[in-house]
PDB file of N, CA and C in Angstrom:
ATOM      1  N   MET A   1     104.292 106.976  76.881  1.00  0.00           N
ATOM      2  CA  MET A   1     105.495 107.337  76.351  1.00  0.00           C
ATOM      3  C   MET A   1     105.081 109.389  75.983  1.00  0.00           C
ATOM      4  N   ASN A   2     103.927 109.525  76.517  1.00  0.00           N
ATOM      5  CA  ASN A   2     102.897 111.074  75.902  1.00  0.00           C
ATOM      6  C   ASN A   2     103.355 111.981  76.657  1.00  0.00           C
ATOM      7  N   GLY A   3     103.669 112.469  77.311  1.00  0.00           N
ATOM      8  CA  GLY A   3     104.056 113.949  77.688  1.00  0.00           C
ATOM      9  C   GLY A   3     102.544 115.129  78.401  1.00  0.00           C
ATOM     10  N   ARG A   4     102.227 115.321  77.199  1.00  0.00           N
ATOM     11  CA  ARG A   4     100.860 115.732  76.618  1.00  0.00           C
ATOM     12  C   ARG A   4     101.112 117.539  77.763  1.00  0.00           C
ATOM     13  N   SER A   5     102.827 118.204  77.582  1.00  0.00           N
ATOM     14  CA  SER A   5     102.865 119.285  77.078  1.00  0.00           C
ATOM     15  C   SER A   5     103.083 119.962  76.867  1.00  0.00           C
ATOM     16  N   GLY A   6     102.572 120.036  75.445  1.00  0.00           N
ATOM     17  CA  GLY A   6     102.063 120.528  74.870  1.00  0.00           C
ATOM     18  C   GLY A   6     103.280 120.809  73.746  1.00  0.00           C
ATOM     19  N   GLY A   7     102.713 121.956  73.013  1.00  0.00           N
ATOM     20  CA  GLY A   7     103.588 123.085  72.173  1.00  0.00           C
ATOM     21  C   GLY A   7     104.180 122.429  71.159  1.00  0.00           C
ATOM     22  N   ASN A   8     106.152 122.141  71.921  1.00  0.00           N
ATOM     23  CA  ASN A   8     106.992 121.948  71.225  1.00  0.00           C
ATOM     24  C   ASN A   8     106.470 120.270  70.907  1.00  0.00           C
ATOM     25  N   ASN A   9     106.165 119.271  71.483  1.00  0.00           N
ATOM     26  CA  ASN A   9     106.098 117.932  71.473  1.00  0.00           C
ATOM     27  C   ASN A   9     105.203 118.298  70.598  1.00  0.00           C
ATOM     28  N   GLU A  10     103.683 119.041  70.629  1.00  0.00           N
ATOM     29  CA  GLU A  10     103.266 119.124  69.496  1.00  0.00           C
ATOM     30  C   GLU A  10     103.640 119.782  68.221  1.00  0.00           C
ATOM     31  N   GLU A  11     103.767 120.154  68.147  1.00  0.00           N
ATOM     32  CA  GLU A  11     105.348 120.476  66.402  1.00  0.00           C
ATOM     33  C   GLU A  11     106.450 119.391  66.193  1.00  0.00           C
ATOM     34  N   HIS A  12     106.857 118.941  67.190  1.00  0.00           N
ATOM     35  CA  HIS A  12     107.482 117.635  66.478  1.00  0.00           C
ATOM     36  C   HIS A  12     106.450 116.721  66.109  1.00  0.00           C
ATOM     37  N   GLY A  13     105.761 116.082  66.867  1.00  0.00           N
ATOM     38  CA  GLY A  13     104.478 115.483  66.304  1.00  0.00           C
ATOM     39  C   GLY A  13     103.219 115.714  65.352  1.00  0.00           C
ATOM     40  N   LEU A  14     103.656 116.805  65.269  1.00  0.00           N
ATOM     41  CA  LEU A  14     102.552 117.084  63.415  1.00  0.00           C
ATOM     42  C   LEU A  14     104.708 116.824  63.007  1.00  0.00           C
ATOM     43  N   ALA A  15     104.893 117.792  62.190  1.00  0.00           N
ATOM     44  CA  ALA A  15     106.241 117.395  62.217  1.00  0.00           C
ATOM     45  C   ALA A  15     106.139 116.098  61.681  1.00  0.00           C
ATOM     46  N   ALA A  16     106.572 114.835  62.411  1.00  0.00           N
ATOM     47  CA  ALA A  16     106.319 113.417  61.880  1.00  0.00           C
ATOM     48  C   ALA A  16     105.947 113.052  61.443  1.00  0.00           C
ATOM     49  N   ALA A  17     104.462 113.556  61.720  1.00  0.00           N
ATOM     50  CA  ALA A  17     103.100 113.009  60.911  1.00  0.00           C
ATOM     51  C   ALA A  17     103.337 113.670  58.870  1.00  0.00           C
ATOM     52  N   LEU A  18     103.604 114.600  59.584  1.00  0.00           N
ATOM     53  CA  LEU A  18     103.537 115.284  57.687  1.00  0.00           C
ATOM     54  C   LEU A  18     105.033 114.141  57.017  1.00  0.00           C
ATOM     55  N   ARG A  19     105.622 114.277  57.649  1.00  0.00           N
ATOM     56  CA  ARG A  19     107.234 113.281  57.727  1.00  0.00           C
ATOM     57  C   ARG A  19     107.189 112.286  56.546  1.00  0.00           C
ATOM     58  N   ARG A  20     105.805 111.010  57.377  1.00  0.00           N
ATOM     59  CA  ARG A  20     105.203 110.221  57.032  1.00  0.00           C
ATOM     60  C   ARG A  20     104.528 110.378  55.902  1.00  0.00           C
ATOM     61  N   PHE A  21     103.261 111.183  55.866  1.00  0.00           N
ATOM     62  CA  PHE A  21     102.390 111.500  55.234  1.00  0.00           C
ATOM     63  C   PHE A  21     102.070 112.531  54.876  1.00  0.00           C
ATOM     64  N   PRO A  22     103.653 112.837  53.524  1.00  0.00           N
ATOM     65  CA  PRO A  22     103.478 114.049  53.104  1.00  0.00           C
ATOM     66  C   PRO A  22     102.360 114.773  51.973  1.00  0.00           C
ATOM     67  N   ALA A  23     101.980 113.244  51.562  1.00  0.00           N
ATOM     68  CA  ALA A  23     100.553 113.806  50.231  1.00  0.00           C
ATOM     69  C   ALA A  23      99.283 113.305  50.697  1.00  0.00           C
ATOM     70  N   ARG A  24      99.714 113.540  52.513  1.00  0.00           N
ATOM     71  CA  ARG A  24      98.453 114.032  53.234  1.00  0.00           C
ATOM     72  C   ARG A  24      98.038 114.468  54.493  1.00  0.00           C
ATOM     73  N   SER A  25      99.476 115.715  54.105  1.00  0.00           N
ATOM     74  CA  SER A  25      99.569 116.829  54.726  1.00  0.00           C
ATOM     75  C   SER A  25      98.079 117.867  55.606  1.00  0.00           C
ATOM     76  N   LEU A  26      97.002 118.429  54.718  1.00  0.00           N
ATOM     77  CA  LEU A  26      96.196 119.522  54.903  1.00  0.00           C
ATOM     78  C   LEU A  26      94.887 118.394  55.823  1.00  0.00           C
ATOM     79  N   GLN A  27      95.098 116.926  55.340  1.00  0.00           N
ATOM     80  CA  GLN A  27      94.044 116.269  56.258  1.00  0.00           C
ATOM     81  C   GLN A  27      94.738 116.110  57.364  1.00  0.00           C
ATOM     82  N   ILE A  28      96.113 115.921  57.542  1.00  0.00           N
ATOM     83  CA  ILE A  28      97.301 115.652  58.994  1.00  0.00           C
ATOM     84  C   ILE A  28      96.509 116.901  60.314  1.00  0.00           C
ATOM     85  N   ARG A  29      96.954 118.562  59.010  1.00  0.00           N
ATOM     86  CA  ARG A  29      96.867 119.722  59.634  1.00  0.00           C
ATOM     87  C   ARG A  29      95.957 120.030  60.764  1.00  0.00           C
ATOM     88  N   GLU A  30      94.264 119.883  59.251  1.00  0.00           N
ATOM     89  CA  GLU A  30      93.372 120.001  59.741  1.00  0.00           C
ATOM     90  C   GLU A  30      92.365 118.816  60.700  1.00  0.00           C
ATOM     91  N   LEU A  31      93.534 117.796  61.359  1.00  0.00           N
ATOM     92  CA  LEU A  31      93.014 116.771  61.877  1.00  0.00           C
ATOM     93  C   LEU A  31      94.384 117.375  63.386  1.00  0.00           C
ATOM     94  N   SER A  32      94.993 118.131  63.222  1.00  0.00           N
ATOM     95  CA  SER A  32      96.041 118.318  64.073  1.00  0.00           C
ATOM     96  C   SER A  32      95.267 119.385  64.929  1.00  0.00           C
ATOM     97  N   ILE A  33      94.551 120.075  64.538  1.00  0.00           N
ATOM     98  CA  ILE A  33      93.857 121.146  64.780  1.00  0.00           C
ATOM     99  C   ILE A  33      92.642 120.161  65.399  1.00  0.00           C
ATOM    100  N   ARG A  34      91.657 119.901  65.637  1.00  0.00           N
ATOM    101  CA  ARG A  34      90.405 119.915  65.894  1.00  0.00           C
ATOM    102  C   ARG A  34      90.257 118.403  66.670  1.00  0.00           C
ATOM    103  N   ASP A  35      91.387 117.786  66.799  1.00  0.00           N
ATOM    104  CA  ASP A  35      91.128 115.889  67.450  1.00  0.00           C
ATOM    105  C   ASP A  35      92.524 116.287  68.050  1.00  0.00           C
ATOM    106  N   GLU A  36      92.677 116.572  69.992  1.00  0.00           N
ATOM    107  CA  GLU A  36      93.194 116.041  70.349  1.00  0.00           C
ATOM    108  C   GLU A  36      94.187 114.578  71.006  1.00  0.00           C
ATOM    109  N   SER A  37      93.415 113.965  71.025  1.00  0.00           N
ATOM    110  CA  SER A  37      94.003 112.691  70.702  1.00  0.00           C
ATOM    111  C   SER A  37      94.539 112.051  69.517  1.00  0.00           C
ATOM    112  N   PHE A  38      93.872 112.879  68.470  1.00  0.00           N
ATOM    113  CA  PHE A  38      95.331 112.585  66.766  1.00  0.00           C
ATOM    114  C   PHE A  38      96.190 113.536  67.979  1.00  0.00           C
ATOM    115  N   ARG A  39      96.605 114.594  68.150  1.00  0.00           N
ATOM    116  CA  ARG A  39      97.498 114.534  68.462  1.00  0.00           C
ATOM    117  C   ARG A  39      98.453 114.663  69.844  1.00  0.00           C
ATOM    118  N   GLY A  40      98.201 113.863  70.046  1.00  0.00           N
ATOM    119  CA  GLY A  40      98.666 113.058  71.479  1.00  0.00           C
ATOM    120  C   GLY A  40      99.555 111.807  70.424  1.00  0.00           C
ATOM    121  N   MET A  41      98.672 110.920  69.139  1.00  0.00           N
ATOM    122  CA  MET A  41      99.074 109.858  68.798  1.00  0.00           C
ATOM    123  C   MET A  41     100.591 110.016  67.890  1.00  0.00           C
ATOM    124  N   CYS A  42     100.188 111.615  67.061  1.00  0.00           N
ATOM    125  CA  CYS A  42     101.201 112.362  66.309  1.00  0.00           C
ATOM    126  C   CYS A  42     102.295 112.030  67.471  1.00  0.00           C
ATOM    127  N   GLU A  43     102.274 113.102  68.297  1.00  0.00           N
ATOM    128  CA  GLU A  43     103.471 112.856  69.646  1.00  0.00           C
ATOM    129  C   GLU A  43     104.065 112.070  69.700  1.00  0.00           C
ATOM    130  N   ASP A  44     103.199 110.957  70.061  1.00  0.00           N
ATOM    131  CA  ASP A  44     104.481 109.195  70.990  1.00  0.00           C
ATOM    132  C   ASP A  44     105.179 109.074  69.208  1.00  0.00           C
ATOM    133  N   PHE A  45     104.273 109.337  67.857  1.00  0.00           N
ATOM    134  CA  PHE A  45     104.552 108.587  67.233  1.00  0.00           C
ATOM    135  C   PHE A  45     105.939 109.010  67.299  1.00  0.00           C
ATOM    136  N   ALA A  46     106.368 110.885  67.084  1.00  0.00           N
ATOM    137  CA  ALA A  46     107.714 111.171  67.193  1.00  0.00           C
ATOM    138  C   ALA A  46     108.581 110.736  68.511  1.00  0.00           C
ATOM    139  N   ALA A  47     107.838 110.352  69.652  1.00  0.00           N
ATOM    140  CA  ALA A  47     109.164 109.551  69.734  1.00  0.00           C
ATOM    141  C   ALA A  47     109.051 108.490  70.175  1.00  0.00           C
ATOM    142  N   ALA A  48     108.236 107.671  69.284  1.00  0.00           N
ATOM    143  CA  ALA A  48     108.608 106.753  69.214  1.00  0.00           C
ATOM    144  C   ALA A  48     109.913 106.246  68.026  1.00  0.00           C
ATOM    145  N   GLU A  49     109.785 107.285  66.627  1.00  0.00           N
ATOM    146  CA  GLU A  49     111.079 107.595  65.777  1.00  0.00           C
ATOM    147  C   GLU A  49     111.366 108.320  66.898  1.00  0.00           C
ATOM    148  N   HIS A  50     111.644 109.356  67.477  1.00  0.00           N
ATOM    149  CA  HIS A  50     112.883 109.646  68.255  1.00  0.00           C
ATOM    150  C   HIS A  50     113.831 108.228  69.037  1.00  0.00           C
ATOM    151  N   ALA A  51     113.285 107.130  69.383  1.00  0.00           N
ATOM    152  CA  ALA A  51     113.622 106.012  70.479  1.00  0.00           C
ATOM    153  C   ALA A  51     114.554 105.609  69.212  1.00  0.00           C
ATOM    154  N   LEU A  52     114.127 104.751  67.921  1.00  0.00           N
ATOM    155  CA  LEU A  52     114.416 104.220  67.320  1.00  0.00           C
ATOM    156  C   LEU A  52     115.127 104.843  66.479  1.00  0.00           C
ATOM    157  N   ALA A  53     115.909 106.084  66.277  1.00  0.00           N
ATOM    158  CA  ALA A  53     116.882 107.102  66.162  1.00  0.00           C
ATOM    159  C   ALA A  53     117.907 106.454  67.221  1.00  0.00           C
ATOM    160  N   ARG A  54     118.191 106.814  68.127  1.00  0.00           N
ATOM    161  CA  ARG A  54     118.682 106.530  69.240  1.00  0.00           C
ATOM    162  C   ARG A  54     118.947 104.858  69.583  1.00  0.00           C
ATOM    163  N   ALA A  55     118.457 103.901  69.105  1.00  0.00           N
ATOM    164  CA  ALA A  55     119.275 102.535  69.215  1.00  0.00           C
ATOM    165  C   ALA A  55     120.250 102.663  69.143  1.00  0.00           C
ATOM    166  N   ASP A  56     121.114 102.598  68.509  1.00  0.00           N
ATOM    167  CA  ASP A  56     122.258 102.160  68.316  1.00  0.00           C
ATOM    168  C   ASP A  56     123.489 103.100  69.592  1.00  0.00           C
ATOM    169  N   GLN A  57     123.237 104.271  70.374  1.00  0.00           N
ATOM    170  CA  GLN A  57     123.339 104.097  71.472  1.00  0.00           C
ATOM    171  C   GLN A  57     123.109 103.118  72.288  1.00  0.00           C
ATOM    172  N   LEU A  58     122.550 102.333  72.633  1.00  0.00           N
ATOM    173  CA  LEU A  58     121.754 101.156  73.137  1.00  0.00           C
ATOM    174  C   LEU A  58     123.116 100.025  73.697  1.00  0.00           C
ATOM    175  N   PRO A  59     122.897  99.290  75.106  1.00  0.00           N
ATOM    176  CA  PRO A  59     124.515  98.848  74.936  1.00  0.00           C
ATOM    177  C   PRO A  59     123.698  97.553  74.547  1.00  0.00           C
ATOM    178  N   SER A  60     124.678  97.090  73.763  1.00  0.00           N
ATOM    179  CA  SER A  60     125.028  95.934  72.818  1.00  0.00           C
ATOM    180  C   SER A  60     123.787  95.148  73.149  1.00  0.00           C
ATOM    181  N   HIS A  61     123.958  94.851  74.559  1.00  0.00           N
ATOM    182  CA  HIS A  61     123.082  93.272  74.945  1.00  0.00           C
ATOM    183  C   HIS A  61     122.245  93.876  74.743  1.00  0.00           C
ATOM    184  N   ILE A  62     120.991  94.651  74.680  1.00  0.00           N
ATOM    185  CA  ILE A  62     119.827  95.033  74.414  1.00  0.00           C
ATOM    186  C   ILE A  62     118.968  96.033  73.281  1.00  0.00           C
ATOM    187  N   ARG A  63     120.233  96.314  72.735  1.00  0.00           N
ATOM    188  CA  ARG A  63     119.823  96.773  71.414  1.00  0.00           C
ATOM    189  C   ARG A  63     118.910  95.847  70.199  1.00  0.00           C
ATOM    190  N   GLU A  64     119.166  95.742  70.151  1.00  0.00           N
ATOM    191  CA  GLU A  64     118.828  94.492  68.931  1.00  0.00           C
ATOM    192  C   GLU A  64     116.999  94.769  68.995  1.00  0.00           C
ATOM    193  N   GLU A  65     116.822  93.545  70.065  1.00  0.00           N
ATOM    194  CA  GLU A  65     115.322  93.940  71.556  1.00  0.00           C
ATOM    195  C   GLU A  65     115.127  95.074  70.568  1.00  0.00           C
ATOM    196  N   ARG A  66     115.722  95.772  71.895  1.00  0.00           N
ATOM    197  CA  ARG A  66     115.208  97.856  71.746  1.00  0.00           C
ATOM    198  C   ARG A  66     114.834  97.935  70.489  1.00  0.00           C
ATOM    199  N   ARG A  67     115.652  98.270  69.556  1.00  0.00           N
ATOM    200  CA  ARG A  67     115.010  98.555  68.368  1.00  0.00           C
ATOM    201  C   ARG A  67     114.083  97.756  67.085  1.00  0.00           C
ATOM    202  N   ALA A  68     113.914  96.450  67.472  1.00  0.00           N
ATOM    203  CA  ALA A  68     112.868  95.718  67.173  1.00  0.00           C
ATOM    204  C   ALA A  68     111.572  96.471  67.849  1.00  0.00           C
ATOM    205  N   GLU A  69     111.619  96.911  69.369  1.00  0.00           N
ATOM    206  CA  GLU A  69     110.033  97.209  69.799  1.00  0.00           C
ATOM    207  C   GLU A  69     109.812  98.565  69.346  1.00  0.00           C
ATOM    208  N   PHE A  70     111.107  99.564  69.491  1.00  0.00           N
ATOM    209  CA  PHE A  70     110.601 100.156  68.828  1.00  0.00           C
ATOM    210  C   PHE A  70     110.098 100.970  67.462  1.00  0.00           C
ATOM    211  N   GLU A  71     110.888  99.343  66.928  1.00  0.00           N
ATOM    212  CA  GLU A  71     110.088  99.981  64.924  1.00  0.00           C
ATOM    213  C   GLU A  71     108.754  99.565  65.024  1.00  0.00           C
ATOM    214  N   SER A  72     108.948  98.321  65.589  1.00  0.00           N
ATOM    215  CA  SER A  72     106.987  97.502  65.834  1.00  0.00           C
ATOM    216  C   SER A  72     106.400  99.075  66.380  1.00  0.00           C
ATOM    217  N   LEU A  73     106.701  99.864  67.475  1.00  0.00           N
ATOM    218  CA  LEU A  73     105.935 101.354  67.555  1.00  0.00           C
ATOM    219  C   LEU A  73     105.405 101.987  66.110  1.00  0.00           C
ATOM    220  N   VAL A  74     106.659 102.209  66.338  1.00  0.00           N
ATOM    221  CA  VAL A  74     106.625 103.311  64.908  1.00  0.00           C
ATOM    222  C   VAL A  74     105.774 102.818  63.953  1.00  0.00           C
ATOM    223  N   GLU A  75     105.798 101.326  63.474  1.00  0.00           N
ATOM    224  CA  GLU A  75     104.846 101.590  61.987  1.00  0.00           C
ATOM    225  C   GLU A  75     103.660 101.262  62.819  1.00  0.00           C
ATOM    226  N   GLY A  76     103.025 100.034  63.912  1.00  0.00           N
ATOM    227  CA  GLY A  76     102.136 100.740  64.964  1.00  0.00           C
ATOM    228  C   GLY A  76     101.471 101.813  64.496  1.00  0.00           C
ATOM    229  N   LEU A  77     102.137 102.896  65.239  1.00  0.00           N
ATOM    230  CA  LEU A  77     101.814 103.895  65.491  1.00  0.00           C
ATOM    231  C   LEU A  77     101.333 104.699  64.230  1.00  0.00           C
ATOM    232  N   ALA A  78     102.402 104.691  63.422  1.00  0.00           N
ATOM    233  CA  ALA A  78     101.591 105.070  62.085  1.00  0.00           C
ATOM    234  C   ALA A  78     101.223 104.851  61.584  1.00  0.00           C
ATOM    235  N   ALA A  79      99.598 103.282  61.688  1.00  0.00           N
ATOM    236  CA  ALA A  79      98.716 102.274  61.178  1.00  0.00           C
ATOM    237  C   ALA A  79      98.083 103.301  61.277  1.00  0.00           C
ATOM    238  N   GLU A  80      97.910 103.380  62.882  1.00  0.00           N
ATOM    239  CA  GLU A  80      96.614 104.603  63.820  1.00  0.00           C
ATOM    240  C   GLU A  80      96.312 105.589  63.258  1.00  0.00           C
ATOM    241  N   ILE A  81      98.029 106.705  62.746  1.00  0.00           N
ATOM    242  CA  ILE A  81      97.582 107.601  62.200  1.00  0.00           C
ATOM    243  C   ILE A  81      97.054 107.424  60.541  1.00  0.00           C
ATOM    244  N   GLU A  82      97.015 106.874  59.841  1.00  0.00           N
ATOM    245  CA  GLU A  82      96.600 106.497  58.735  1.00  0.00           C
ATOM    246  C   GLU A  82      95.000 106.093  58.828  1.00  0.00           C
ATOM    247  N   GLN A  83      94.959 105.239  60.036  1.00  0.00           N
ATOM    248  CA  GLN A  83      93.668 104.957  59.632  1.00  0.00           C
ATOM    249  C   GLN A  83      93.027 106.737  60.529  1.00  0.00           C
ATOM    250  N   ALA A  84      93.243 107.291  60.945  1.00  0.00           N
ATOM    251  CA  ALA A  84      92.126 107.975  62.079  1.00  0.00           C
ATOM    252  C   ALA A  84      92.702 109.121  60.151  1.00  0.00           C
ATOM    253  N   LEU A  85      93.270 109.182  59.710  1.00  0.00           N
ATOM    254  CA  LEU A  85      92.996 109.840  58.651  1.00  0.00           C
ATOM    255  C   LEU A  85      92.380 109.591  58.151  1.00  0.00           C
ATOM    256  N   GLY A  86      91.528 108.180  57.636  1.00  0.00           N
ATOM    257  CA  GLY A  86      90.837 107.650  56.672  1.00  0.00           C
ATOM    258  C   GLY A  86      91.089 107.588  55.470  1.00  0.00           C
ATOM    259  N   PRO A  87      89.962 107.060  54.266  1.00  0.00           N
ATOM    260  CA  PRO A  87      90.847 106.971  53.411  1.00  0.00           C
ATOM    261  C   PRO A  87      91.081 107.849  52.384  1.00  0.00           C
ATOM    262  N   THR A  88      92.452 108.321  51.353  1.00  0.00           N
ATOM    263  CA  THR A  88      93.473 109.011  50.393  1.00  0.00           C
ATOM    264  C   THR A  88      91.054 108.816  49.697  1.00  0.00           C
ATOM    265  N   LYS A  89      90.824 110.598  48.867  1.00  0.00           N
ATOM    266  CA  LYS A  89      90.317 110.969  48.265  1.00  0.00           C
ATOM    267  C   LYS A  89      90.893 110.510  47.196  1.00  0.00           C
ATOM    268  N   GLY A  90      90.333 110.418  45.925  1.00  0.00           N
ATOM    269  CA  GLY A  90      90.424 111.322  45.067  1.00  0.00           C
ATOM    270  C   GLY A  90      91.172 110.508  43.769  1.00  0.00           C
ATOM    271  N   PHE A  91      92.142 109.131  44.561  1.00  0.00           N
ATOM    272  CA  PHE A  91      92.642 107.707  43.892  1.00  0.00           C
ATOM    273  C   PHE A  91      91.661 106.918  43.644  1.00  0.00           C
ATOM    274  N   ILE A  92      92.990 106.231  42.738  1.00  0.00           N
ATOM    275  CA  ILE A  92      92.172 104.284  42.079  1.00  0.00           C
ATOM    276  C   ILE A  92      93.243 104.155  42.533  1.00  0.00           C
TER     277      ILE A  92
END
């Protein structure tokens, strides 16, 4: 799913991660600067969100199956991003 063309894709990936985890914006920005793998994960997350948003435009005979696939992909990638960020600090 990841084209690795950089630039715009990285910006969309960063924006998607920041929307999903706004309270961890500093961690996301810092990790995205130093970790290419994390940036790629964020790019994939943004692409999966985009695919999910467009699922309603798919033909009716495949729409629900694809929506479920995209939702699962979005949630799986969000969990990977959260894991990469590590435990939250300062919260009880």
